Amino acid sequence: CNADFFHASAYHFMDIATKLFTPIFVMSRVTGWAAHVMEQRADNRIIRPSADYTGPELRKVVPIAERSAA
């Protein structure tokens, strides 16, 4: 979800200048960014999220000329 889109709408209706939207978005994230930096420095390693792909299996790509118009 792109929450900034909805935040921007609210800021607009509050008559906040458009040029201030980005600084406001950044201010809301600074504490999270700082926490990540502190965690990375404490363990002396970059934090990478672990995730496993759970989508459909890979399929063979059929060239457009060979596809049926179903």
C-alpha atoms as a PDB file:
ATOM      1  CA  CYS A   1       0.000   0.000   0.000  1.00  0.00           C
ATOM      2  CA  ASN A   2       1.332   3.428  -0.910  1.00  0.00           C
ATOM      3  CA  ALA A   3       0.343   5.286   2.236  1.00  0.00           C
ATOM      4  CA  ASP A   4       2.143   8.444   1.071  1.00  0.00           C
ATOM      5  CA  PHE A   5      -0.505   8.867  -1.638  1.00  0.00           C
ATOM      6  CA  PHE A   6      -3.216   9.146   1.007  1.00  0.00           C
ATOM      7  CA  HIS A   7      -1.047  11.268   3.277  1.00  0.00           C
ATOM      8  CA  ALA A   8      -0.433  13.675   0.402  1.00  0.00           C
ATOM      9  CA  SER A   9      -4.191  14.062  -0.071  1.00  0.00           C
ATOM     10  CA  ALA A  10      -4.600  14.889   3.615  1.00  0.00           C
ATOM     11  CA  TYR A  11      -1.696  17.368   3.530  1.00  0.00           C
ATOM     12  CA  HIS A  12      -3.231  19.033   0.473  1.00  0.00           C
ATOM     13  CA  PHE A  13      -6.575  19.494   2.243  1.00  0.00           C
ATOM     14  CA  MET A  14      -4.719  20.930   5.260  1.00  0.00           C
ATOM     15  CA  ASP A  15      -3.157  23.537   2.917  1.00  0.00           C
ATOM     16  CA  ILE A  16       0.379  22.294   3.546  1.00  0.00           C
ATOM     17  CA  ALA A  17       2.664  23.458   0.730  1.00  0.00           C
ATOM     18  CA  THR A  18       3.420  20.716  -1.799  1.00  0.00           C
ATOM     19  CA  LYS A  19       7.167  21.362  -1.489  1.00  0.00           C
ATOM     20  CA  LEU A  20       6.934  20.247   2.157  1.00  0.00           C
ATOM     21  CA  PHE A  21       5.402  16.822   1.392  1.00  0.00           C
ATOM     22  CA  THR A  22       8.746  15.056   0.877  1.00  0.00           C
ATOM     23  CA  PRO A  23      10.362  16.454   4.045  1.00  0.00           C
ATOM     24  CA  ILE A  24       7.288  15.380   6.029  1.00  0.00           C
ATOM     25  CA  PHE A  25       7.440  11.868   4.517  1.00  0.00           C
ATOM     26  CA  VAL A  26      11.142  11.664   5.431  1.00  0.00           C
ATOM     27  CA  MET A  27      10.595  12.864   9.003  1.00  0.00           C
ATOM     28  CA  SER A  28       8.135  10.035   9.543  1.00  0.00           C
ATOM     29  CA  ARG A  29      10.765   7.488   8.510  1.00  0.00           C
ATOM     30  CA  VAL A  30      13.948   8.830  10.109  1.00  0.00           C
ATOM     31  CA  THR A  31      13.540   6.958  13.400  1.00  0.00           C
ATOM     32  CA  GLY A  32      13.116   3.645  11.553  1.00  0.00           C
ATOM     33  CA  TRP A  33      16.146   4.317   9.376  1.00  0.00           C
ATOM     34  CA  ALA A  34      18.197   5.265  12.453  1.00  0.00           C
ATOM     35  CA  ALA A  35      17.117   2.076  14.247  1.00  0.00           C
ATOM     36  CA  HIS A  36      18.227  -0.033  11.266  1.00  0.00           C
ATOM     37  CA  VAL A  37      21.623   1.686  11.192  1.00  0.00           C
ATOM     38  CA  MET A  38      22.106   1.102  14.919  1.00  0.00           C
ATOM     39  CA  GLU A  39      21.145  -2.585  14.581  1.00  0.00           C
ATOM     40  CA  GLN A  40      23.499  -3.068  11.642  1.00  0.00           C
ATOM     41  CA  ARG A  41      26.398  -1.425  13.447  1.00  0.00           C
ATOM     42  CA  ALA A  42      25.786  -3.447  16.612  1.00  0.00           C
ATOM     43  CA  ASP A  43      26.031  -6.763  14.723  1.00  0.00           C
ATOM     44  CA  ASN A  44      28.565  -5.488  12.158  1.00  0.00           C
ATOM     45  CA  ARG A  45      26.491  -6.902   9.302  1.00  0.00           C
ATOM     46  CA  ILE A  46      23.875  -5.680   6.869  1.00  0.00           C
ATOM     47  CA  ILE A  47      20.350  -6.734   7.745  1.00  0.00           C
ATOM     48  CA  ARG A  48      18.596  -8.441   4.866  1.00  0.00           C
ATOM     49  CA  PRO A  49      15.019  -9.645   5.091  1.00  0.00           C
ATOM     50  CA  SER A  50      14.576 -13.354   4.577  1.00  0.00           C
ATOM     51  CA  ALA A  51      11.763 -14.364   2.274  1.00  0.00           C
ATOM     52  CA  ASP A  52      10.806 -17.418   0.277  1.00  0.00           C
ATOM     53  CA  TYR A  53       8.949 -17.173  -3.024  1.00  0.00           C
ATOM     54  CA  THR A  54       5.590 -18.886  -2.661  1.00  0.00           C
ATOM     55  CA  GLY A  55       4.104 -18.069  -6.057  1.00  0.00           C
ATOM     56  CA  PRO A  56       3.383 -20.392  -8.946  1.00  0.00           C
ATOM     57  CA  GLU A  57       6.084 -22.627 -10.396  1.00  0.00           C
ATOM     58  CA  LEU A  58       8.118 -21.318 -13.317  1.00  0.00           C
ATOM     59  CA  ARG A  59       6.537 -21.943 -16.699  1.00  0.00           C
ATOM     60  CA  LYS A  60       7.984 -22.155 -20.187  1.00  0.00           C
ATOM     61  CA  VAL A  61       7.588 -18.974 -22.218  1.00  0.00           C
ATOM     62  CA  VAL A  62       5.625 -19.604 -25.412  1.00  0.00           C
ATOM     63  CA  PRO A  63       6.592 -17.270 -28.281  1.00  0.00           C
ATOM     64  CA  ILE A  64       3.742 -14.957 -29.306  1.00  0.00           C
ATOM     65  CA  ALA A  65       3.565 -16.455 -32.801  1.00  0.00           C
ATOM     66  CA  GLU A  66       2.869 -19.889 -31.277  1.00  0.00           C
ATOM     67  CA  ARG A  67       0.161 -18.785 -28.828  1.00  0.00           C
ATOM     68  CA  SER A  68      -3.491 -19.581 -29.430  1.00  0.00           C
ATOM     69  CA  ALA A  69      -6.121 -16.839 -29.358  1.00  0.00           C
ATOM     70  CA  ALA A  70      -8.179 -18.460 -26.602  1.00  0.00           C
END
